[in-house]
Protein backbone atom coordinates (compact mmCIF):
# COMPACT_ATOMS: atom_id res chain seq x y z
CA UNK A 1 35.65 80.48 14.85
CA UNK A 2 33.40 77.47 15.22
CA UNK A 3 35.78 74.52 15.27
CA UNK A 4 33.78 72.19 13.14
CA UNK A 5 35.00 68.64 12.80
CA UNK A 6 36.21 68.20 9.27
CA UNK A 7 36.68 64.83 7.65
CA UNK A 8 38.99 63.89 4.86
CA UNK A 9 37.33 62.28 1.89
CA UNK A 10 39.13 59.44 0.26
CA UNK A 11 37.67 57.61 -2.70
CA UNK A 12 39.53 54.52 -3.84
CA UNK A 13 39.84 54.04 -7.55
CA UNK A 14 37.01 51.88 -8.80
CA UNK A 15 37.23 49.85 -11.90
CA UNK A 16 35.09 46.99 -13.14
CA UNK A 17 36.26 44.59 -10.46
CA UNK A 18 36.45 47.11 -7.63
CA UNK A 19 32.78 47.21 -6.55
CA UNK A 20 30.50 50.21 -6.12
CA UNK A 21 30.90 53.85 -5.24
CA UNK A 22 28.34 54.78 -2.62
CA UNK A 23 25.66 57.38 -3.20
CA UNK A 24 27.90 60.32 -2.32
CA UNK A 25 31.00 58.76 -3.85
CA UNK A 26 32.82 59.07 -0.54
CA UNK A 27 34.36 57.09 2.28
CA UNK A 28 34.91 59.19 5.40
CA UNK A 29 37.90 58.87 7.71
CA UNK A 30 39.29 61.22 10.34
CA UNK A 31 42.29 63.29 9.27
CA UNK A 32 45.19 63.90 11.62
CA UNK A 33 45.86 67.51 10.64
CA UNK A 34 43.44 70.15 9.37
CA UNK A 35 44.30 73.62 8.12
CA UNK A 36 41.60 76.28 7.73
CA UNK A 37 41.19 79.05 5.18
CA UNK A 38 38.82 82.02 5.33
CA UNK A 39 37.47 81.65 8.85
CA UNK A 40 37.37 84.35 11.51
CA UNK A 41 39.40 82.73 14.30
CA UNK A 42 43.14 82.45 14.93
CA UNK A 43 45.38 80.21 12.85
CA UNK A 44 43.28 80.71 9.73
CA UNK A 45 44.85 81.43 6.38
CA UNK A 46 43.54 84.11 4.08
CA UNK A 47 44.78 82.40 0.90
CA UNK A 48 44.37 78.78 -0.13
CA UNK A 49 47.86 78.67 -1.65
CA UNK A 50 49.45 79.75 1.64
CA UNK A 51 47.75 76.86 3.43
CA UNK A 52 48.92 74.43 0.74
CA UNK A 53 52.48 75.70 1.07
CA UNK A 54 52.43 74.95 4.82
CA UNK A 55 50.62 71.61 4.52
CA UNK A 56 52.17 68.15 4.64
CA UNK A 57 51.20 65.05 2.68
CA UNK A 58 47.97 63.66 4.11
CA UNK A 59 46.67 66.97 5.50
CA UNK A 60 43.22 68.39 4.89
CA UNK A 61 42.62 72.03 4.00
CA UNK A 62 39.09 73.21 4.75
CA UNK A 63 38.01 76.42 3.03
CA UNK A 64 35.16 78.50 4.47
CA UNK A 65 32.93 80.51 2.18
CA UNK A 66 33.13 83.63 4.40
CA UNK A 67 35.94 85.14 2.29
CA UNK A 68 34.75 83.76 -1.05
CA UNK A 69 35.48 84.30 -3.89
CA UNK A 70 39.17 83.41 -3.64
CA UNK A 71 41.02 85.03 -6.54
CA UNK A 72 43.92 82.61 -6.93
CA UNK A 73 45.75 80.34 -9.34
CA UNK A 74 46.44 77.33 -7.17
CA UNK A 75 49.26 74.80 -7.53
CA UNK A 76 48.94 71.55 -5.58
CA UNK A 77 52.19 69.60 -5.26
CA UNK A 78 51.31 67.61 -2.14
CA UNK A 79 48.91 64.74 -1.43
CA UNK A 80 46.16 66.66 0.35
CA UNK A 81 42.39 66.88 0.68
CA UNK A 82 41.05 70.31 -0.35
CA UNK A 83 37.44 70.72 0.82
CA UNK A 84 35.11 73.67 0.33
CA UNK A 85 32.34 74.52 2.77
CA UNK A 86 29.69 74.68 0.05
CA UNK A 87 30.10 74.07 -3.67
CA UNK A 88 27.71 76.92 -4.53
CA UNK A 89 29.26 79.56 -2.30
CA UNK A 90 32.94 78.58 -1.98
CA UNK A 91 34.39 79.99 -5.20
CA UNK A 92 37.93 79.82 -6.60
CA UNK A 93 38.32 82.32 -9.45
CA UNK A 94 41.34 82.05 -11.74
CA UNK A 95 41.01 85.66 -12.96
CA UNK A 96 41.46 84.51 -16.59
CA UNK A 97 45.09 83.62 -15.83
CA UNK A 98 46.54 80.15 -16.52
CA UNK A 99 44.78 77.23 -14.84
CA UNK A 100 42.61 77.88 -11.85
CA UNK A 101 43.93 74.72 -10.13
CA UNK A 102 46.95 72.68 -11.29
CA UNK A 103 47.59 69.30 -9.63
CA UNK A 104 51.08 67.81 -9.83
CA UNK A 105 50.89 65.40 -6.86
CA UNK A 106 49.27 61.98 -6.62
CA UNK A 107 46.42 61.22 -4.22
CA UNK A 108 44.80 64.66 -4.18
CA UNK A 109 41.08 65.11 -3.39
CA UNK A 110 39.10 68.25 -4.25
CA UNK A 111 35.47 68.59 -3.21
CA UNK A 112 32.91 71.30 -2.67
CA UNK A 113 33.97 74.30 -4.78
CA UNK A 114 32.88 76.44 -7.68
CA UNK A 115 35.97 76.63 -9.91
CA UNK A 116 35.85 79.21 -12.67
CA UNK A 117 37.58 81.63 -15.02
CA UNK A 118 40.79 80.02 -16.25
CA UNK A 119 42.69 81.70 -19.08
CA UNK A 120 41.40 81.33 -22.63
CA UNK A 121 43.69 78.30 -23.06
CA UNK A 122 43.68 77.12 -19.45
CA UNK A 123 41.67 74.67 -17.38
CA UNK A 124 39.53 74.84 -14.32
CA UNK A 125 41.40 71.81 -12.97
CA UNK A 126 44.46 70.33 -14.70
CA UNK A 127 45.68 66.95 -13.46
CA UNK A 128 49.11 65.53 -14.25
CA UNK A 129 49.14 62.75 -11.67
CA UNK A 130 47.60 59.53 -10.38
CA UNK A 131 44.81 58.56 -7.99
CA UNK A 132 43.14 61.94 -7.64
CA UNK A 133 39.48 62.41 -6.77
CA UNK A 134 37.52 65.39 -8.08
CA UNK A 135 33.95 65.28 -6.81
CA UNK A 136 30.92 67.45 -6.11
CA UNK A 137 32.26 70.62 -7.70
CA UNK A 138 30.77 73.23 -10.04
CA UNK A 139 33.25 73.95 -12.83
CA UNK A 140 32.34 76.73 -15.24
CA UNK A 141 33.60 79.41 -17.61
CA UNK A 142 36.96 77.79 -18.33
CA UNK A 143 38.53 76.77 -21.62
CA UNK A 144 38.61 73.16 -20.36
CA UNK A 145 36.64 72.26 -17.27
CA UNK A 146 38.77 69.28 -16.16
CA UNK A 147 41.91 68.35 -18.10
CA UNK A 148 43.56 64.96 -17.52
CA UNK A 149 46.98 65.47 -19.06
CA UNK A 150 49.31 62.92 -20.60
CA UNK A 151 50.34 60.05 -18.30
CA UNK A 152 47.73 60.91 -15.67
CA UNK A 153 45.81 57.78 -14.67
CA UNK A 154 43.57 56.07 -12.11
CA UNK A 155 41.65 59.24 -11.28
CA UNK A 156 37.99 59.53 -10.27
CA UNK A 157 35.84 62.36 -11.64
CA UNK A 158 32.51 62.04 -9.81
CA UNK A 159 29.31 64.08 -9.49
CA UNK A 160 30.63 67.35 -10.85
CA UNK A 161 28.61 69.94 -12.76
CA UNK A 162 30.57 71.25 -15.75
CA UNK A 163 28.90 74.02 -17.72
CA UNK A 164 29.81 76.86 -20.07
CA UNK A 165 33.33 75.54 -20.72
CA UNK A 166 34.68 75.22 -24.27
CA UNK A 167 35.46 71.58 -23.42
CA UNK A 168 33.86 70.02 -20.39
CA UNK A 169 36.26 67.16 -19.76
CA UNK A 170 39.40 66.43 -21.81
CA UNK A 171 41.57 63.31 -21.56
CA UNK A 172 44.86 63.60 -23.43
CA UNK A 173 46.88 60.39 -23.31
CA UNK A 174 45.22 59.51 -20.00
CA UNK A 175 44.28 55.96 -19.02
CA UNK A 176 42.24 53.97 -16.51
CA UNK A 177 40.10 56.80 -15.17
CA UNK A 178 36.57 56.47 -13.78
CA UNK A 179 34.17 59.22 -14.90
CA UNK A 180 30.69 58.92 -13.38
CA UNK A 181 27.55 60.87 -12.45
CA UNK A 182 28.76 64.15 -13.92
CA UNK A 183 26.57 66.69 -15.71
CA UNK A 184 28.19 68.33 -18.74
CA UNK A 185 26.36 71.01 -20.68
CA UNK A 186 26.82 74.07 -22.88
CA UNK A 187 30.20 73.11 -24.32
CA UNK A 188 31.73 72.70 -27.76
CA UNK A 189 32.85 69.23 -26.66
CA UNK A 190 31.29 67.61 -23.64
CA UNK A 191 33.79 64.79 -23.06
CA UNK A 192 36.79 64.41 -25.36
CA UNK A 193 39.36 61.59 -25.52
CA UNK A 194 42.50 62.25 -27.52
CA UNK A 195 45.95 60.83 -28.17
CA UNK A 196 45.63 57.15 -27.21
CA UNK A 197 43.48 57.64 -24.11
CA UNK A 198 42.52 54.08 -23.21
CA UNK A 199 40.82 51.82 -20.67
CA UNK A 200 38.65 54.58 -19.23
CA UNK A 201 35.10 54.08 -17.94
CA UNK A 202 32.34 56.64 -18.51
CA UNK A 203 29.05 55.80 -16.83
CA UNK A 204 25.89 57.56 -15.65
CA UNK A 205 26.93 60.94 -17.03
CA UNK A 206 24.36 63.43 -18.30
CA UNK A 207 25.50 65.37 -21.38
CA UNK A 208 23.38 67.95 -23.17
CA UNK A 209 23.49 71.08 -25.31
CA UNK A 210 26.97 70.54 -26.75
CA UNK A 211 28.29 70.38 -30.29
CA UNK A 212 29.85 66.97 -29.61
CA UNK A 213 28.59 65.04 -26.59
CA UNK A 214 31.36 62.43 -26.38
CA UNK A 215 34.31 62.37 -28.79
CA UNK A 216 36.66 59.38 -28.94
CA UNK A 217 39.50 59.95 -31.33
CA UNK A 218 43.28 59.95 -31.96
CA UNK A 219 43.44 56.16 -31.53
CA UNK A 220 41.67 56.10 -28.18
CA UNK A 221 40.88 52.44 -27.53
CA UNK A 222 39.36 49.97 -25.07
CA UNK A 223 37.16 52.59 -23.43
CA UNK A 224 33.76 51.75 -21.96
CA UNK A 225 30.94 54.25 -22.48
CA UNK A 226 27.81 52.91 -20.77
CA UNK A 227 24.60 54.11 -19.14
CA UNK A 228 25.00 57.74 -20.14
CA UNK A 229 22.29 60.16 -21.24
CA UNK A 230 23.35 62.17 -24.30
CA UNK A 231 20.74 64.61 -25.54
CA UNK A 232 20.26 67.74 -27.63
CA UNK A 233 23.73 67.80 -29.18
CA UNK A 234 24.84 68.08 -32.79
CA UNK A 235 26.84 64.86 -32.51
CA UNK A 236 25.79 62.62 -29.63
CA UNK A 237 28.78 60.26 -29.78
CA UNK A 238 31.50 60.66 -32.39
CA UNK A 239 34.06 57.89 -32.93
CA UNK A 240 36.94 59.11 -35.10
CA UNK A 241 40.06 56.98 -35.57
CA UNK A 242 39.06 55.00 -32.47
CA UNK A 243 39.15 51.21 -32.02
CA UNK A 244 37.96 48.49 -29.65
CA UNK A 245 35.63 50.75 -27.67
CA UNK A 246 32.37 49.52 -26.18
CA UNK A 247 29.33 51.81 -26.43
CA UNK A 248 26.34 50.36 -24.59
CA UNK A 249 23.17 51.02 -22.62
CA UNK A 250 23.22 54.72 -23.43
CA UNK A 251 20.21 56.91 -24.13
CA UNK A 252 21.06 58.96 -27.22
CA UNK A 253 18.23 61.24 -28.25
CA UNK A 254 17.26 64.55 -29.84
CA UNK A 255 20.63 65.06 -31.52
CA UNK A 256 21.38 65.82 -35.16
CA UNK A 257 23.60 62.72 -35.32
CA UNK A 258 22.97 60.15 -32.60
CA UNK A 259 26.19 58.20 -33.27
CA UNK A 260 28.67 59.30 -35.94
CA UNK A 261 31.63 57.12 -36.94
CA UNK A 262 34.56 58.00 -39.20
CA UNK A 263 37.74 55.94 -39.57
CA UNK A 264 36.65 53.91 -36.56
CA UNK A 265 37.06 50.14 -36.48
CA UNK A 266 36.28 47.14 -34.28
CA UNK A 267 34.00 49.04 -31.92
CA UNK A 268 30.93 47.41 -30.36
CA UNK A 269 27.65 49.36 -30.31
CA UNK A 270 25.06 47.43 -28.26
CA UNK A 271 22.00 47.88 -26.06
CA UNK A 272 21.57 51.60 -26.76
CA UNK A 273 18.34 53.51 -27.18
CA UNK A 274 18.85 55.78 -30.19
CA UNK A 275 15.75 57.89 -30.63
CA UNK A 276 14.38 61.11 -32.09
CA UNK A 277 17.61 62.12 -33.81
CA UNK A 278 17.87 63.42 -37.36
CA UNK A 279 20.27 60.53 -38.10
CA UNK A 280 20.26 57.64 -35.67
CA UNK A 281 23.66 56.29 -36.72
CA UNK A 282 25.89 57.55 -39.55
CA UNK A 283 29.00 55.57 -40.50
CA UNK A 284 31.91 56.13 -42.87
CA UNK A 285 33.96 53.16 -41.64
CA UNK A 286 34.25 49.37 -41.49
CA UNK A 287 34.28 46.36 -39.18
CA UNK A 288 32.18 47.67 -36.30
CA UNK A 289 29.52 45.48 -34.66
CA UNK A 290 26.09 47.01 -34.07
CA UNK A 291 23.27 44.97 -32.52
CA UNK A 292 20.54 44.91 -29.86
CA UNK A 293 20.02 48.65 -30.18
CA UNK A 294 16.59 50.28 -30.34
CA UNK A 295 16.27 52.71 -33.25
CA UNK A 296 13.12 54.69 -32.54
CA UNK A 297 11.62 57.64 -34.43
CA UNK A 298 14.83 58.91 -35.98
CA UNK A 299 14.19 60.86 -39.18
CA UNK A 300 16.72 58.58 -40.88
CA UNK A 301 17.38 55.51 -38.77
CA UNK A 302 20.85 54.68 -40.12
CA UNK A 303 23.25 55.39 -42.97
CA UNK A 304 26.25 53.12 -43.48
CA UNK A 305 28.73 54.03 -46.21
CA UNK A 306 31.21 51.42 -45.01
CA UNK A 307 30.91 47.72 -44.23
CA UNK A 308 29.80 46.87 -40.71
CA UNK A 309 28.03 44.03 -38.90
CA UNK A 310 24.44 44.88 -38.01
CA UNK A 311 23.38 41.76 -36.12
CA UNK A 312 24.66 39.06 -33.78
CA UNK A 313 23.48 36.13 -35.86
CA UNK A 314 20.49 33.89 -35.24
CA UNK A 315 18.79 33.50 -32.79
CA UNK A 316 20.44 36.41 -30.92
CA UNK A 317 19.24 38.84 -33.58
CA UNK A 318 20.02 42.34 -34.73
CA UNK A 319 18.43 45.68 -33.84
CA UNK A 320 14.91 46.93 -33.29
CA UNK A 321 13.67 49.39 -35.93
CA UNK A 322 10.37 51.03 -35.08
CA UNK A 323 9.66 51.60 -38.81
CA UNK A 324 10.02 47.86 -39.48
CA UNK A 325 8.07 46.01 -36.79
CA UNK A 326 4.59 45.47 -38.29
CA UNK A 327 3.21 43.54 -41.27
CA UNK A 328 2.03 46.82 -42.81
CA UNK A 329 5.73 47.78 -43.00
CA UNK A 330 6.73 44.44 -44.51
CA UNK A 331 7.83 42.96 -41.18
CA UNK A 332 6.43 39.43 -40.75
CA UNK A 333 7.27 36.95 -38.00
CA UNK A 334 5.56 33.82 -39.24
CA UNK A 335 7.38 31.46 -36.85
CA UNK A 336 6.92 33.75 -33.82
CA UNK A 337 10.60 33.72 -32.85
CA UNK A 338 10.74 37.47 -32.26
CA UNK A 339 12.81 38.07 -35.39
CA UNK A 340 11.45 39.54 -38.60
CA UNK A 341 11.57 37.02 -41.44
CA UNK A 342 13.23 39.44 -43.87
CA UNK A 343 16.28 41.71 -43.44
CA UNK A 344 16.28 45.43 -42.78
CA UNK A 345 18.20 47.34 -45.45
CA UNK A 346 20.57 50.07 -44.27
CA UNK A 347 20.88 53.18 -46.46
CA UNK A 348 24.33 53.68 -47.97
CA UNK A 349 25.97 50.57 -49.40
CA UNK A 350 24.85 46.95 -49.28
CA UNK A 351 24.57 46.55 -45.51
CA UNK A 352 21.63 44.76 -43.91
CA UNK A 353 20.45 43.84 -40.48
CA UNK A 354 19.76 40.19 -41.29
CA UNK A 355 17.73 39.50 -38.15
CA UNK A 356 15.80 42.64 -37.14
CA UNK A 357 13.86 42.36 -33.89
CA UNK A 358 10.09 42.44 -33.77
CA UNK A 359 10.01 44.01 -30.31
CA UNK A 360 12.23 46.57 -28.57
CA UNK A 361 15.31 45.07 -26.98
CA UNK A 362 15.30 44.96 -23.17
CA UNK A 363 18.66 44.55 -21.43
CA UNK A 364 17.23 44.55 -17.89
CA UNK A 365 14.47 42.45 -16.34
CA UNK A 366 12.81 43.40 -13.07
CA UNK A 367 10.72 41.15 -10.82
CA UNK A 368 8.71 42.17 -7.75
CA UNK A 369 7.76 39.51 -5.19
CA UNK A 370 5.65 39.73 -2.06
CA UNK A 371 5.82 38.01 1.31
CA UNK A 372 7.29 39.44 4.49
CA UNK A 373 8.45 42.62 2.82
CA UNK A 374 8.99 43.14 -0.90
CA UNK A 375 11.77 41.38 -2.76
CA UNK A 376 13.09 43.11 -5.89
CA UNK A 377 15.09 41.04 -8.38
CA UNK A 378 17.06 42.83 -11.12
CA UNK A 379 18.53 40.69 -13.88
CA UNK A 380 21.09 41.76 -16.50
CA UNK A 381 19.99 40.04 -19.71
CA UNK A 382 21.88 42.44 -21.98
CA UNK A 383 25.32 42.51 -23.53
CA UNK A 384 27.05 45.01 -21.19
CA UNK A 385 28.01 44.87 -17.52
CA UNK A 386 26.01 47.37 -15.48
CA UNK A 387 28.42 49.71 -13.69
CA UNK A 388 27.27 51.70 -10.66
CA UNK A 389 23.71 51.62 -11.92
CA UNK A 390 20.96 53.07 -9.77
CA UNK A 391 17.57 51.68 -8.89
CA UNK A 392 14.70 53.75 -7.49
CA UNK A 393 11.79 52.24 -5.57
CA UNK A 394 8.74 54.49 -5.20
CA UNK A 395 6.06 53.21 -2.83
CA UNK A 396 2.57 54.64 -2.30
CA UNK A 397 -0.06 53.49 0.18
CA UNK A 398 -2.60 55.06 2.51
CA UNK A 399 -1.43 53.49 5.80
CA UNK A 400 2.24 52.57 5.65
CA UNK A 401 5.25 53.37 7.81
CA UNK A 402 7.77 53.55 5.00
CA UNK A 403 6.77 55.26 1.79
CA UNK A 404 8.37 57.57 -0.70
CA UNK A 405 11.56 56.81 -2.64
CA UNK A 406 14.32 54.33 -1.86
CA UNK A 407 17.52 54.56 -3.89
CA UNK A 408 20.46 52.15 -4.19
CA UNK A 409 23.51 51.86 -6.43
CA UNK A 410 24.75 48.52 -7.73
CA UNK A 411 26.91 46.86 -10.37
CA UNK A 412 25.81 43.73 -12.19
CA UNK A 413 27.76 41.60 -14.69
CA UNK A 414 26.15 40.13 -17.80
CA UNK A 415 23.87 37.20 -17.02
CA UNK A 416 23.74 37.81 -13.27
CA UNK A 417 20.96 38.97 -10.98
CA UNK A 418 20.80 40.87 -7.72
CA UNK A 419 18.05 41.05 -5.10
CA UNK A 420 17.02 43.85 -2.74
CA UNK A 421 14.53 43.64 0.11
CA UNK A 422 12.25 46.40 1.37
CA UNK A 423 10.47 45.86 4.67
CA UNK A 424 7.78 48.02 6.25
CA UNK A 425 4.52 47.82 8.20
CA UNK A 426 1.03 49.01 7.37
CA UNK A 427 -2.42 48.18 6.12
CA UNK A 428 -4.32 48.60 2.85
CA UNK A 429 -3.81 48.79 -0.89
CA UNK A 430 -0.80 50.41 -2.49
CA UNK A 431 1.53 50.57 -5.45
CA UNK A 432 5.28 50.22 -5.91
CA UNK A 433 7.33 51.25 -8.96
CA UNK A 434 10.90 50.09 -9.54
CA UNK A 435 13.06 52.03 -12.03
CA UNK A 436 16.47 51.14 -13.42
CA UNK A 437 17.40 53.69 -16.06
CA UNK A 438 14.38 53.94 -18.33
CA UNK A 439 13.20 50.40 -17.49
CA UNK A 440 10.43 50.38 -14.91
CA UNK A 441 8.04 47.90 -13.35
CA UNK A 442 4.93 48.74 -11.34
CA UNK A 443 3.09 46.38 -9.00
CA UNK A 444 -0.14 46.70 -7.04
CA UNK A 445 -0.13 45.22 -3.54
CA UNK A 446 -2.21 44.70 -0.42
CA UNK A 447 -0.33 45.24 2.83
CA UNK A 448 -1.33 43.57 6.09
CA UNK A 449 1.16 44.30 8.84
CA UNK A 450 4.56 43.33 7.39
CA UNK A 451 3.06 41.03 4.75
CA UNK A 452 2.76 42.11 1.09
CA UNK A 453 0.46 40.40 -1.36
CA UNK A 454 1.36 41.33 -4.96
CA UNK A 455 -1.79 41.36 -7.08
CA UNK A 456 -0.32 42.37 -10.47
CA UNK A 457 2.78 43.86 -12.06
CA UNK A 458 3.79 45.21 -15.43
CA UNK A 459 7.19 46.08 -16.89
CA UNK A 460 7.62 48.90 -19.37
CA UNK A 461 10.51 50.19 -21.46
């Protein structure tokens, strides 16, 4: 057996004040004791469960793909790191019996597996514990992909691919979890919060081809749903009997209902792009605040059969409606303050956006400056903290040492800015494009040695 050096992966719980997760979501430290499963040399185990039974708290179990698939129903009752050799080829198959993996211990990490075929009522991974990290796995063909059971908390679910599960990710009475950079598709419910699940963060997830993209209900409160892409679902986001949640900076498009609200109160819906849905927003409830959203090319922009607040007062303004932004549509801005002089009427009851915006709302500003290297300034001018956002810098030039794509992850509170520097060496004309979400800015430059001269730049939404 090739004695590869294996590292334990520990990811500290990250909340708003805890800083960034790096690109891979991992911090690497050497582990004192490593057990091996599926290799060809001595002291290897043939079953994952046997290795777990012999492990101690703090051990790492490394699973080779040589003997994959592993037909097991695994119970983890120790604080261990369970690492697969390759997430595509290291398969744990639950044989349609119970849960494929059940976690009862705190501080468990699982990375690098395909986890499939729980029972018809079981889960790919079921967590009843604290401070676990589930990352870089493929989880498919289970009743629930990942199930955070009652009283589980402070877990990280990061960069997993969940597909063809009845429910992708279910939180049931589970609090203070960080759910980021996951892809959820082909499910009845993509992400579901039930039974007072609170204070969770969902950011940078990609959800598509589900009946309900994200469901917050059963009095789930104080959750933050930001910077997600929710597309091609029947309901993009459904708030049902949910309060005090913040929904912001999401891209919600090509759904039947972009956002649907029933018996939901005191939620804040801000800075979203709601586009190309049959219904942009449909509400049967009261006392929610909805402003600085861009409603673009929805067949019906909004229906409100309750009583909600559709603006943030003057001069902050309300929402942008692409069918009410030109004089030919009755939208005049005679004093050039960026706010239409007359209200936008919402279908349903007597609700109005009193201060509709003339132009699409931009929550991020990008500046590109030359000199010795390029300085990129990103400013959060929106209403939501940016959490583990990603910027991409794409540089093109004929003679340049460093070109291609640069990627960084950052967090940025409301009203703050952050700067990044890119240095290189070359000669001639070129172009750089900076992207943060769907906001981008492109600049032309002339490069002489390490010095950049920026000739022009343009920001687009």
